[in-house]
């Protein structure tokens, strides 16, 4: 069942799409944060889990396929939203399946709001945005990039140049999907529509420039996982880009983390190869 929920924060309110189905233990699926991410990317896993679990998935504030208000979106806003959603919209405790950057928010939730999450599946987990990853850290000029993209006149043009059809397909081939032909036709059309939703540029530029990084170092990333005090399964693909893969493999040495590397897959392994991810995750969720 699809429905709309309204999330409020200090400076406004936003309507978010949510899907839920099934019965039994609660499993919440959190999509990645990226310029083309929506809860729709979790639908393949959602469909494979709903016969065994009560599943729910939701768009993040400032992401998804609906209009989004302008705001200085921040990690605190997204963390407050996640706690509200897991505590008030769906009843805890939950197993949470979190993709990409959502993994760090799920870990943060498990540490600072114990009792809401009882088990975590982290799919190709990341903690640092694309530009800081490429540059090896944050730079002062990232804030100027965010200000430029926020600008009502210049911003839309700069943003459209960076989410053009050519750029999205290049990004997808290099980092996101294993099959170079996966993101074509209707799939590509849907992803491009996400980038063109009103207000999409404000959350997107913050993610890309590290403005939505919940933490600032690999050490902090590992500390969150170490102190989460819940069983954790990490799932990632063998073709994951090297810099991102190094962060995922660093988690494997922790005592409460089990790591599974799939034969194929990049950053969107859950969307492209849902059967392989489901086969790995379901036994863990049922323990």
C-alpha atoms as a PDB file:
ATOM      1  CA  UNK A   1       0.000   0.000   0.000  1.00  0.00           C
ATOM      2  CA  UNK A   2       1.289   3.443  -0.929  1.00  0.00           C
ATOM      3  CA  UNK A   3       0.542   6.445   1.248  1.00  0.00           C
ATOM      4  CA  UNK A   4       1.748   9.944   1.993  1.00  0.00           C
ATOM      5  CA  UNK A   5       3.182  11.027   5.325  1.00  0.00           C
ATOM      6  CA  UNK A   6       3.949  14.583   6.381  1.00  0.00           C
ATOM      7  CA  UNK A   7       7.212  15.273   8.127  1.00  0.00           C
ATOM      8  CA  UNK A   8       7.578  18.518  10.087  1.00  0.00           C
ATOM      9  CA  UNK A   9      10.758  20.216  11.246  1.00  0.00           C
ATOM     10  CA  UNK A  10      11.613  23.658  12.572  1.00  0.00           C
ATOM     11  CA  UNK A  11      11.428  25.454   9.235  1.00  0.00           C
ATOM     12  CA  UNK A  12       8.633  23.667   7.444  1.00  0.00           C
ATOM     13  CA  UNK A  13       6.813  20.529   6.370  1.00  0.00           C
ATOM     14  CA  UNK A  14       7.305  18.086   3.525  1.00  0.00           C
ATOM     15  CA  UNK A  15       5.096  15.369   2.031  1.00  0.00           C
ATOM     16  CA  UNK A  16       6.904  12.060   1.607  1.00  0.00           C
ATOM     17  CA  UNK A  17       5.952   8.869  -0.170  1.00  0.00           C
ATOM     18  CA  UNK A  18       5.841   5.623   1.800  1.00  0.00           C
ATOM     19  CA  UNK A  19       5.080   2.006   0.843  1.00  0.00           C
ATOM     20  CA  UNK A  20       4.116  -0.784   3.247  1.00  0.00           C
ATOM     21  CA  UNK A  21       2.912  -4.376   2.918  1.00  0.00           C
ATOM     22  CA  UNK A  22       3.027  -7.813   4.514  1.00  0.00           C
ATOM     23  CA  UNK A  23       2.837  -8.973   8.127  1.00  0.00           C
ATOM     24  CA  UNK A  24       5.116 -10.292  10.817  1.00  0.00           C
ATOM     25  CA  UNK A  25       8.375  -8.821  12.058  1.00  0.00           C
ATOM     26  CA  UNK A  26       9.034  -5.253  10.967  1.00  0.00           C
ATOM     27  CA  UNK A  27      11.659  -4.638   8.293  1.00  0.00           C
ATOM     28  CA  UNK A  28      12.274  -1.045   7.197  1.00  0.00           C
ATOM     29  CA  UNK A  29      14.104  -0.410   3.917  1.00  0.00           C
ATOM     30  CA  UNK A  30      15.980   2.884   3.634  1.00  0.00           C
ATOM     31  CA  UNK A  31      17.068   4.019   0.147  1.00  0.00           C
ATOM     32  CA  UNK A  32      20.434   5.566  -0.503  1.00  0.00           C
ATOM     33  CA  UNK A  33      20.980   9.303  -0.651  1.00  0.00           C
ATOM     34  CA  UNK A  34      21.867  10.324  -4.190  1.00  0.00           C
ATOM     35  CA  UNK A  35      20.659  12.523  -7.011  1.00  0.00           C
ATOM     36  CA  UNK A  36      18.697   9.598  -8.506  1.00  0.00           C
ATOM     37  CA  UNK A  37      17.599   7.786  -5.328  1.00  0.00           C
ATOM     38  CA  UNK A  38      14.014   7.196  -4.247  1.00  0.00           C
ATOM     39  CA  UNK A  39      12.231   4.517  -2.280  1.00  0.00           C
ATOM     40  CA  UNK A  40      11.555   2.938  -5.682  1.00  0.00           C
ATOM     41  CA  UNK A  41      15.097   1.561  -5.706  1.00  0.00           C
ATOM     42  CA  UNK A  42      14.128  -0.591  -2.701  1.00  0.00           C
ATOM     43  CA  UNK A  43      11.057  -1.990  -4.444  1.00  0.00           C
ATOM     44  CA  UNK A  44      12.780  -5.132  -5.785  1.00  0.00           C
ATOM     45  CA  UNK A  45      13.816  -6.095  -2.233  1.00  0.00           C
ATOM     46  CA  UNK A  46      10.473  -4.942  -0.849  1.00  0.00           C
ATOM     47  CA  UNK A  47       8.674  -7.341  -3.198  1.00  0.00           C
ATOM     48  CA  UNK A  48      10.901 -10.247  -2.192  1.00  0.00           C
ATOM     49  CA  UNK A  49      10.457  -9.665   1.549  1.00  0.00           C
ATOM     50  CA  UNK A  50       6.760  -8.859   1.897  1.00  0.00           C
ATOM     51  CA  UNK A  51       5.673 -12.521   1.992  1.00  0.00           C
ATOM     52  CA  UNK A  52       7.719 -13.082   5.165  1.00  0.00           C
ATOM     53  CA  UNK A  53       7.848  -9.709   6.924  1.00  0.00           C
ATOM     54  CA  UNK A  54       5.950  -6.485   7.519  1.00  0.00           C
ATOM     55  CA  UNK A  55       7.953  -4.229   5.228  1.00  0.00           C
ATOM     56  CA  UNK A  56       7.998  -0.466   4.846  1.00  0.00           C
ATOM     57  CA  UNK A  57      10.073   1.932   2.777  1.00  0.00           C
ATOM     58  CA  UNK A  58      10.048   5.723   2.651  1.00  0.00           C
ATOM     59  CA  UNK A  59      11.700   8.594   0.819  1.00  0.00           C
ATOM     60  CA  UNK A  60      14.161  10.773   2.698  1.00  0.00           C
ATOM     61  CA  UNK A  61      13.365  14.477   3.162  1.00  0.00           C
ATOM     62  CA  UNK A  62      14.911  16.445   0.260  1.00  0.00           C
ATOM     63  CA  UNK A  63      15.028  13.277  -1.876  1.00  0.00           C
ATOM     64  CA  UNK A  64      12.439  11.146  -3.660  1.00  0.00           C
ATOM     65  CA  UNK A  65      10.268  11.978  -6.644  1.00  0.00           C
ATOM     66  CA  UNK A  66       8.033  14.677  -5.141  1.00  0.00           C
ATOM     67  CA  UNK A  67       8.531  18.463  -4.897  1.00  0.00           C
ATOM     68  CA  UNK A  68      10.971  19.414  -2.165  1.00  0.00           C
ATOM     69  CA  UNK A  69      11.203  22.746  -0.378  1.00  0.00           C
ATOM     70  CA  UNK A  70      14.432  24.700  -0.289  1.00  0.00           C
ATOM     71  CA  UNK A  71      16.261  24.362   3.001  1.00  0.00           C
ATOM     72  CA  UNK A  72      19.771  23.968   4.324  1.00  0.00           C
ATOM     73  CA  UNK A  73      19.297  20.219   4.636  1.00  0.00           C
ATOM     74  CA  UNK A  74      21.587  18.749   7.265  1.00  0.00           C
ATOM     75  CA  UNK A  75      22.487  15.466   8.978  1.00  0.00           C
ATOM     76  CA  UNK A  76      20.561  16.577  12.078  1.00  0.00           C
ATOM     77  CA  UNK A  77      17.354  17.046  10.065  1.00  0.00           C
ATOM     78  CA  UNK A  78      17.697  13.612   8.459  1.00  0.00           C
ATOM     79  CA  UNK A  79      18.527  11.908  11.761  1.00  0.00           C
ATOM     80  CA  UNK A  80      15.546  13.543  13.452  1.00  0.00           C
ATOM     81  CA  UNK A  81      13.349  12.358  10.591  1.00  0.00           C
ATOM     82  CA  UNK A  82      14.615   8.780  10.856  1.00  0.00           C
ATOM     83  CA  UNK A  83      14.021   8.649  14.608  1.00  0.00           C
ATOM     84  CA  UNK A  84      10.496  10.044  14.124  1.00  0.00           C
ATOM     85  CA  UNK A  85       9.734   7.547  11.376  1.00  0.00           C
ATOM     86  CA  UNK A  86      11.058   4.513  13.268  1.00  0.00           C
ATOM     87  CA  UNK A  87       9.432   5.547  16.535  1.00  0.00           C
ATOM     88  CA  UNK A  88       6.068   6.999  15.514  1.00  0.00           C
ATOM     89  CA  UNK A  89       5.139   6.006  11.968  1.00  0.00           C
ATOM     90  CA  UNK A  90       6.178   2.344  12.170  1.00  0.00           C
ATOM     91  CA  UNK A  91       6.289   0.678  15.581  1.00  0.00           C
ATOM     92  CA  UNK A  92       9.678  -0.540  16.849  1.00  0.00           C
ATOM     93  CA  UNK A  93      11.686  -2.646  17.122  1.00  0.00           C
ATOM     94  CA  UNK A  94      12.752  -3.078  13.517  1.00  0.00           C
ATOM     95  CA  UNK A  95      15.243  -4.807  11.367  1.00  0.00           C
ATOM     96  CA  UNK A  96      16.562  -2.104   9.065  1.00  0.00           C
ATOM     97  CA  UNK A  97      18.007  -2.573   5.590  1.00  0.00           C
ATOM     98  CA  UNK A  98      19.892   0.570   4.624  1.00  0.00           C
ATOM     99  CA  UNK A  99      21.645   1.280   1.328  1.00  0.00           C
ATOM    100  CA  UNK A 100      24.596   3.553   0.678  1.00  0.00           C
ATOM    101  CA  UNK A 101      24.673   6.700   2.811  1.00  0.00           C
ATOM    102  CA  UNK A 102      21.522   5.617   4.633  1.00  0.00           C
ATOM    103  CA  UNK A 103      23.659   2.979   6.359  1.00  0.00           C
ATOM    104  CA  UNK A 104      25.498   5.591   8.407  1.00  0.00           C
ATOM    105  CA  UNK A 105      22.207   7.152   9.506  1.00  0.00           C
ATOM    106  CA  UNK A 106      20.915   3.719  10.515  1.00  0.00           C
ATOM    107  CA  UNK A 107      24.072   3.066  12.544  1.00  0.00           C
ATOM    108  CA  UNK A 108      23.737   6.472  14.202  1.00  0.00           C
ATOM    109  CA  UNK A 109      20.116   5.673  15.056  1.00  0.00           C
ATOM    110  CA  UNK A 110      21.067   2.323  16.583  1.00  0.00           C
ATOM    111  CA  UNK A 111      23.710   3.955  18.776  1.00  0.00           C
ATOM    112  CA  UNK A 112      21.812   7.034  19.940  1.00  0.00           C
ATOM    113  CA  UNK A 113      18.276   5.621  20.031  1.00  0.00           C
ATOM    114  CA  UNK A 114      18.698   2.058  21.263  1.00  0.00           C
ATOM    115  CA  UNK A 115      15.622  -0.129  21.130  1.00  0.00           C
ATOM    116  CA  UNK A 116      14.352   1.163  17.800  1.00  0.00           C
ATOM    117  CA  UNK A 117      16.615  -1.109  15.734  1.00  0.00           C
ATOM    118  CA  UNK A 118      17.317  -4.732  16.589  1.00  0.00           C
ATOM    119  CA  UNK A 119      19.183  -5.888  13.488  1.00  0.00           C
ATOM    120  CA  UNK A 120      20.913  -4.114  10.592  1.00  0.00           C
ATOM    121  CA  UNK A 121      21.609  -5.040   6.986  1.00  0.00           C
ATOM    122  CA  UNK A 122      23.938  -2.494   5.389  1.00  0.00           C
ATOM    123  CA  UNK A 123      24.049  -2.656   1.591  1.00  0.00           C
ATOM    124  CA  UNK A 124      27.171  -1.133   0.036  1.00  0.00           C
ATOM    125  CA  UNK A 125      27.422   1.213   3.051  1.00  0.00           C
ATOM    126  CA  UNK A 126      29.081   4.604   2.649  1.00  0.00           C
ATOM    127  CA  UNK A 127      29.720   7.525   4.967  1.00  0.00           C
ATOM    128  CA  UNK A 128      31.331  10.160   2.725  1.00  0.00           C
ATOM    129  CA  UNK A 129      29.794  11.992  -0.234  1.00  0.00           C
ATOM    130  CA  UNK A 130      31.134  11.615  -3.789  1.00  0.00           C
ATOM    131  CA  UNK A 131      33.115  14.855  -3.984  1.00  0.00           C
ATOM    132  CA  UNK A 132      34.925  14.445  -0.621  1.00  0.00           C
ATOM    133  CA  UNK A 133      35.679  10.850  -1.635  1.00  0.00           C
ATOM    134  CA  UNK A 134      37.207  11.998  -4.929  1.00  0.00           C
ATOM    135  CA  UNK A 135      39.156  14.831  -3.259  1.00  0.00           C
ATOM    136  CA  UNK A 136      40.311  12.812  -0.256  1.00  0.00           C
ATOM    137  CA  UNK A 137      38.465  15.041   2.214  1.00  0.00           C
ATOM    138  CA  UNK A 138      36.372  18.188   2.526  1.00  0.00           C
ATOM    139  CA  UNK A 139      37.345  21.537   1.056  1.00  0.00           C
ATOM    140  CA  UNK A 140      36.233  25.061   1.985  1.00  0.00           C
ATOM    141  CA  UNK A 141      34.956  25.685  -1.533  1.00  0.00           C
ATOM    142  CA  UNK A 142      32.327  22.923  -1.187  1.00  0.00           C
ATOM    143  CA  UNK A 143      30.180  25.421   0.720  1.00  0.00           C
ATOM    144  CA  UNK A 144      30.441  27.862  -2.194  1.00  0.00           C
ATOM    145  CA  UNK A 145      29.269  25.136  -4.561  1.00  0.00           C
ATOM    146  CA  UNK A 146      26.198  24.563  -2.364  1.00  0.00           C
ATOM    147  CA  UNK A 147      25.466  28.294  -2.277  1.00  0.00           C
ATOM    148  CA  UNK A 148      25.764  28.539  -6.055  1.00  0.00           C
ATOM    149  CA  UNK A 149      23.387  25.633  -6.684  1.00  0.00           C
ATOM    150  CA  UNK A 150      20.926  27.100  -4.151  1.00  0.00           C
ATOM    151  CA  UNK A 151      20.895  30.416  -6.049  1.00  0.00           C
ATOM    152  CA  UNK A 152      17.475  30.950  -7.670  1.00  0.00           C
ATOM    153  CA  UNK A 153      18.900  32.094 -11.031  1.00  0.00           C
ATOM    154  CA  UNK A 154      22.262  30.383 -11.514  1.00  0.00           C
ATOM    155  CA  UNK A 155      21.480  27.309  -9.430  1.00  0.00           C
ATOM    156  CA  UNK A 156      19.059  25.475 -11.737  1.00  0.00           C
ATOM    157  CA  UNK A 157      21.452  25.797 -14.691  1.00  0.00           C
ATOM    158  CA  UNK A 158      24.464  24.513 -12.744  1.00  0.00           C
ATOM    159  CA  UNK A 159      22.420  21.657 -11.374  1.00  0.00           C
ATOM    160  CA  UNK A 160      20.986  20.601 -14.732  1.00  0.00           C
ATOM    161  CA  UNK A 161      24.485  20.486 -16.233  1.00  0.00           C
ATOM    162  CA  UNK A 162      25.519  18.036 -13.528  1.00  0.00           C
ATOM    163  CA  UNK A 163      22.481  15.759 -13.805  1.00  0.00           C
ATOM    164  CA  UNK A 164      22.199  15.672 -17.580  1.00  0.00           C
ATOM    165  CA  UNK A 165      21.472  12.418 -19.385  1.00  0.00           C
ATOM    166  CA  UNK A 166      25.160  12.051 -20.310  1.00  0.00           C
ATOM    167  CA  UNK A 167      26.408  12.643 -16.761  1.00  0.00           C
ATOM    168  CA  UNK A 168      23.865  10.297 -15.161  1.00  0.00           C
ATOM    169  CA  UNK A 169      24.659   7.484 -17.606  1.00  0.00           C
ATOM    170  CA  UNK A 170      28.413   7.939 -17.092  1.00  0.00           C
ATOM    171  CA  UNK A 171      28.032   7.882 -13.302  1.00  0.00           C
ATOM    172  CA  UNK A 172      25.817   4.804 -13.492  1.00  0.00           C
ATOM    173  CA  UNK A 173      28.242   2.869 -15.688  1.00  0.00           C
ATOM    174  CA  UNK A 174      31.306   3.712 -13.613  1.00  0.00           C
ATOM    175  CA  UNK A 175      30.021   3.491 -10.059  1.00  0.00           C
ATOM    176  CA  UNK A 176      26.441   2.357  -9.684  1.00  0.00           C
ATOM    177  CA  UNK A 177      25.457  -0.583 -11.916  1.00  0.00           C
ATOM    178  CA  UNK A 178      27.458  -3.605 -13.105  1.00  0.00           C
ATOM    179  CA  UNK A 179      25.630  -3.983 -16.400  1.00  0.00           C
ATOM    180  CA  UNK A 180      26.413  -0.958 -18.621  1.00  0.00           C
ATOM    181  CA  UNK A 181      23.032  -1.401 -20.298  1.00  0.00           C
ATOM    182  CA  UNK A 182      20.962  -1.639 -17.121  1.00  0.00           C
ATOM    183  CA  UNK A 183      20.132   2.059 -16.895  1.00  0.00           C
ATOM    184  CA  UNK A 184      18.495   2.643 -20.273  1.00  0.00           C
ATOM    185  CA  UNK A 185      15.000   3.107 -21.661  1.00  0.00           C
ATOM    186  CA  UNK A 186      12.249   3.511 -19.075  1.00  0.00           C
ATOM    187  CA  UNK A 187      14.666   3.095 -16.178  1.00  0.00           C
ATOM    188  CA  UNK A 188      16.777   6.015 -17.345  1.00  0.00           C
ATOM    189  CA  UNK A 189      13.671   8.116 -17.968  1.00  0.00           C
ATOM    190  CA  UNK A 190      12.489   7.477 -14.392  1.00  0.00           C
ATOM    191  CA  UNK A 191      15.860   8.394 -12.909  1.00  0.00           C
ATOM    192  CA  UNK A 192      16.051  11.601 -14.935  1.00  0.00           C
ATOM    193  CA  UNK A 193      12.553  12.537 -13.740  1.00  0.00           C
ATOM    194  CA  UNK A 194      13.782  12.234 -10.134  1.00  0.00           C
ATOM    195  CA  UNK A 195      16.520  14.785 -10.768  1.00  0.00           C
ATOM    196  CA  UNK A 196      13.970  17.208 -12.252  1.00  0.00           C
ATOM    197  CA  UNK A 197      11.508  17.253  -9.379  1.00  0.00           C
ATOM    198  CA  UNK A 198      11.015  20.810  -8.063  1.00  0.00           C
ATOM    199  CA  UNK A 199      13.618  21.582  -5.401  1.00  0.00           C
ATOM    200  CA  UNK A 200      15.670  18.460  -6.125  1.00  0.00           C
ATOM    201  CA  UNK A 201      18.922  20.379  -6.420  1.00  0.00           C
ATOM    202  CA  UNK A 202      19.094  21.444  -2.759  1.00  0.00           C
ATOM    203  CA  UNK A 203      19.408  17.971  -1.238  1.00  0.00           C
ATOM    204  CA  UNK A 204      21.389  16.618  -4.169  1.00  0.00           C
ATOM    205  CA  UNK A 205      24.179  19.190  -3.982  1.00  0.00           C
ATOM    206  CA  UNK A 206      24.508  18.684  -0.235  1.00  0.00           C
ATOM    207  CA  UNK A 207      24.892  14.954  -0.661  1.00  0.00           C
ATOM    208  CA  UNK A 208      27.441  15.305  -3.468  1.00  0.00           C
ATOM    209  CA  UNK A 209      29.573  17.846  -1.575  1.00  0.00           C
ATOM    210  CA  UNK A 210      29.494  16.038   1.776  1.00  0.00           C
ATOM    211  CA  UNK A 211      26.950  18.325   3.405  1.00  0.00           C
ATOM    212  CA  UNK A 212      24.897  15.290   4.465  1.00  0.00           C
ATOM    213  CA  UNK A 213      27.814  13.263   5.825  1.00  0.00           C
ATOM    214  CA  UNK A 214      26.681  12.192   9.292  1.00  0.00           C
ATOM    215  CA  UNK A 215      30.303  11.615  10.359  1.00  0.00           C
ATOM    216  CA  UNK A 216      33.681  12.850   9.143  1.00  0.00           C
ATOM    217  CA  UNK A 217      36.122   9.936   9.248  1.00  0.00           C
ATOM    218  CA  UNK A 218      36.510   6.196   8.798  1.00  0.00           C
ATOM    219  CA  UNK A 219      37.302   5.952  12.521  1.00  0.00           C
ATOM    220  CA  UNK A 220      33.949   7.499  13.390  1.00  0.00           C
ATOM    221  CA  UNK A 221      32.252   5.149  10.905  1.00  0.00           C
ATOM    222  CA  UNK A 222      33.794   2.117  12.571  1.00  0.00           C
ATOM    223  CA  UNK A 223      33.003   3.477  16.032  1.00  0.00           C
ATOM    224  CA  UNK A 224      29.320   3.743  15.144  1.00  0.00           C
ATOM    225  CA  UNK A 225      29.265   0.129  13.979  1.00  0.00           C
ATOM    226  CA  UNK A 226      31.250  -0.987  17.022  1.00  0.00           C
ATOM    227  CA  UNK A 227      28.866   0.709  19.464  1.00  0.00           C
ATOM    228  CA  UNK A 228      25.615  -0.098  17.673  1.00  0.00           C
ATOM    229  CA  UNK A 229      25.172  -3.158  19.905  1.00  0.00           C
ATOM    230  CA  UNK A 230      23.069  -5.003  17.308  1.00  0.00           C
ATOM    231  CA  UNK A 231      23.972  -7.749  14.828  1.00  0.00           C
ATOM    232  CA  UNK A 232      25.087  -6.256  11.513  1.00  0.00           C
ATOM    233  CA  UNK A 233      25.273  -7.820   8.061  1.00  0.00           C
ATOM    234  CA  UNK A 234      27.236  -5.954   5.385  1.00  0.00           C
ATOM    235  CA  UNK A 235      26.459  -6.875   1.766  1.00  0.00           C
ATOM    236  CA  UNK A 236      28.402  -5.460  -1.167  1.00  0.00           C
ATOM    237  CA  UNK A 237      29.334  -6.397  -4.714  1.00  0.00           C
ATOM    238  CA  UNK A 238      32.698  -7.518  -5.991  1.00  0.00           C
ATOM    239  CA  UNK A 239      32.772  -4.660  -8.529  1.00  0.00           C
ATOM    240  CA  UNK A 240      32.271  -1.891  -5.974  1.00  0.00           C
ATOM    241  CA  UNK A 241      34.556   1.109  -6.718  1.00  0.00           C
ATOM    242  CA  UNK A 242      37.855   0.679  -4.821  1.00  0.00           C
ATOM    243  CA  UNK A 243      37.614   3.694  -2.498  1.00  0.00           C
ATOM    244  CA  UNK A 244      34.091   2.825  -1.400  1.00  0.00           C
ATOM    245  CA  UNK A 245      34.909  -0.862  -1.149  1.00  0.00           C
ATOM    246  CA  UNK A 246      37.794  -0.143   1.244  1.00  0.00           C
ATOM    247  CA  UNK A 247      35.353   1.485   3.676  1.00  0.00           C
ATOM    248  CA  UNK A 248      33.002  -1.495   3.488  1.00  0.00           C
ATOM    249  CA  UNK A 249      35.766  -4.017   4.014  1.00  0.00           C
ATOM    250  CA  UNK A 250      37.018  -2.110   7.063  1.00  0.00           C
ATOM    251  CA  UNK A 251      33.761  -3.030   8.817  1.00  0.00           C
ATOM    252  CA  UNK A 252      34.400  -6.763   8.438  1.00  0.00           C
ATOM    253  CA  UNK A 253      36.934  -6.923  11.291  1.00  0.00           C
ATOM    254  CA  UNK A 254      34.402  -5.832  13.913  1.00  0.00           C
ATOM    255  CA  UNK A 255      33.041  -8.607  16.164  1.00  0.00           C
ATOM    256  CA  UNK A 256      29.360  -7.762  15.644  1.00  0.00           C
ATOM    257  CA  UNK A 257      29.659  -7.508  11.849  1.00  0.00           C
ATOM    258  CA  UNK A 258      29.266 -10.286   9.295  1.00  0.00           C
ATOM    259  CA  UNK A 259      30.344  -9.382   5.764  1.00  0.00           C
ATOM    260  CA  UNK A 260      29.153 -10.955   2.494  1.00  0.00           C
ATOM    261  CA  UNK A 261      30.739 -10.046  -0.833  1.00  0.00           C
ATOM    262  CA  UNK A 262      28.599 -10.928  -3.844  1.00  0.00           C
ATOM    263  CA  UNK A 263      30.163 -12.057  -7.100  1.00  0.00           C
ATOM    264  CA  UNK A 264      28.839  -9.028  -8.973  1.00  0.00           C
ATOM    265  CA  UNK A 265      27.466  -5.614  -8.160  1.00  0.00           C
ATOM    266  CA  UNK A 266      28.457  -2.016  -7.546  1.00  0.00           C
ATOM    267  CA  UNK A 267      26.843   0.645  -5.355  1.00  0.00           C
ATOM    268  CA  UNK A 268      23.254  -0.200  -6.363  1.00  0.00           C
ATOM    269  CA  UNK A 269      23.635  -3.955  -5.983  1.00  0.00           C
ATOM    270  CA  UNK A 270      20.269  -4.122  -4.155  1.00  0.00           C
ATOM    271  CA  UNK A 271      18.473  -2.591  -7.133  1.00  0.00           C
ATOM    272  CA  UNK A 272      20.277  -4.439  -9.910  1.00  0.00           C
ATOM    273  CA  UNK A 273      20.696  -7.848  -8.215  1.00  0.00           C
ATOM    274  CA  UNK A 274      17.846  -8.096  -5.686  1.00  0.00           C
ATOM    275  CA  UNK A 275      17.673 -11.897  -5.729  1.00  0.00           C
ATOM    276  CA  UNK A 276      21.283 -12.259  -4.608  1.00  0.00           C
ATOM    277  CA  UNK A 277      20.843  -9.631  -1.889  1.00  0.00           C
ATOM    278  CA  UNK A 278      17.566 -11.154  -0.656  1.00  0.00           C
ATOM    279  CA  UNK A 279      19.053 -14.653  -0.521  1.00  0.00           C
ATOM    280  CA  UNK A 280      21.845 -13.309   1.676  1.00  0.00           C
ATOM    281  CA  UNK A 281      19.696 -11.083   3.880  1.00  0.00           C
ATOM    282  CA  UNK A 282      16.646 -13.268   4.600  1.00  0.00           C
ATOM    283  CA  UNK A 283      18.439 -15.932   6.705  1.00  0.00           C
ATOM    284  CA  UNK A 284      20.066 -13.138   8.720  1.00  0.00           C
ATOM    285  CA  UNK A 285      16.723 -11.398   9.256  1.00  0.00           C
ATOM    286  CA  UNK A 286      15.097 -14.654  10.379  1.00  0.00           C
ATOM    287  CA  UNK A 287      17.629 -15.446  13.095  1.00  0.00           C
END
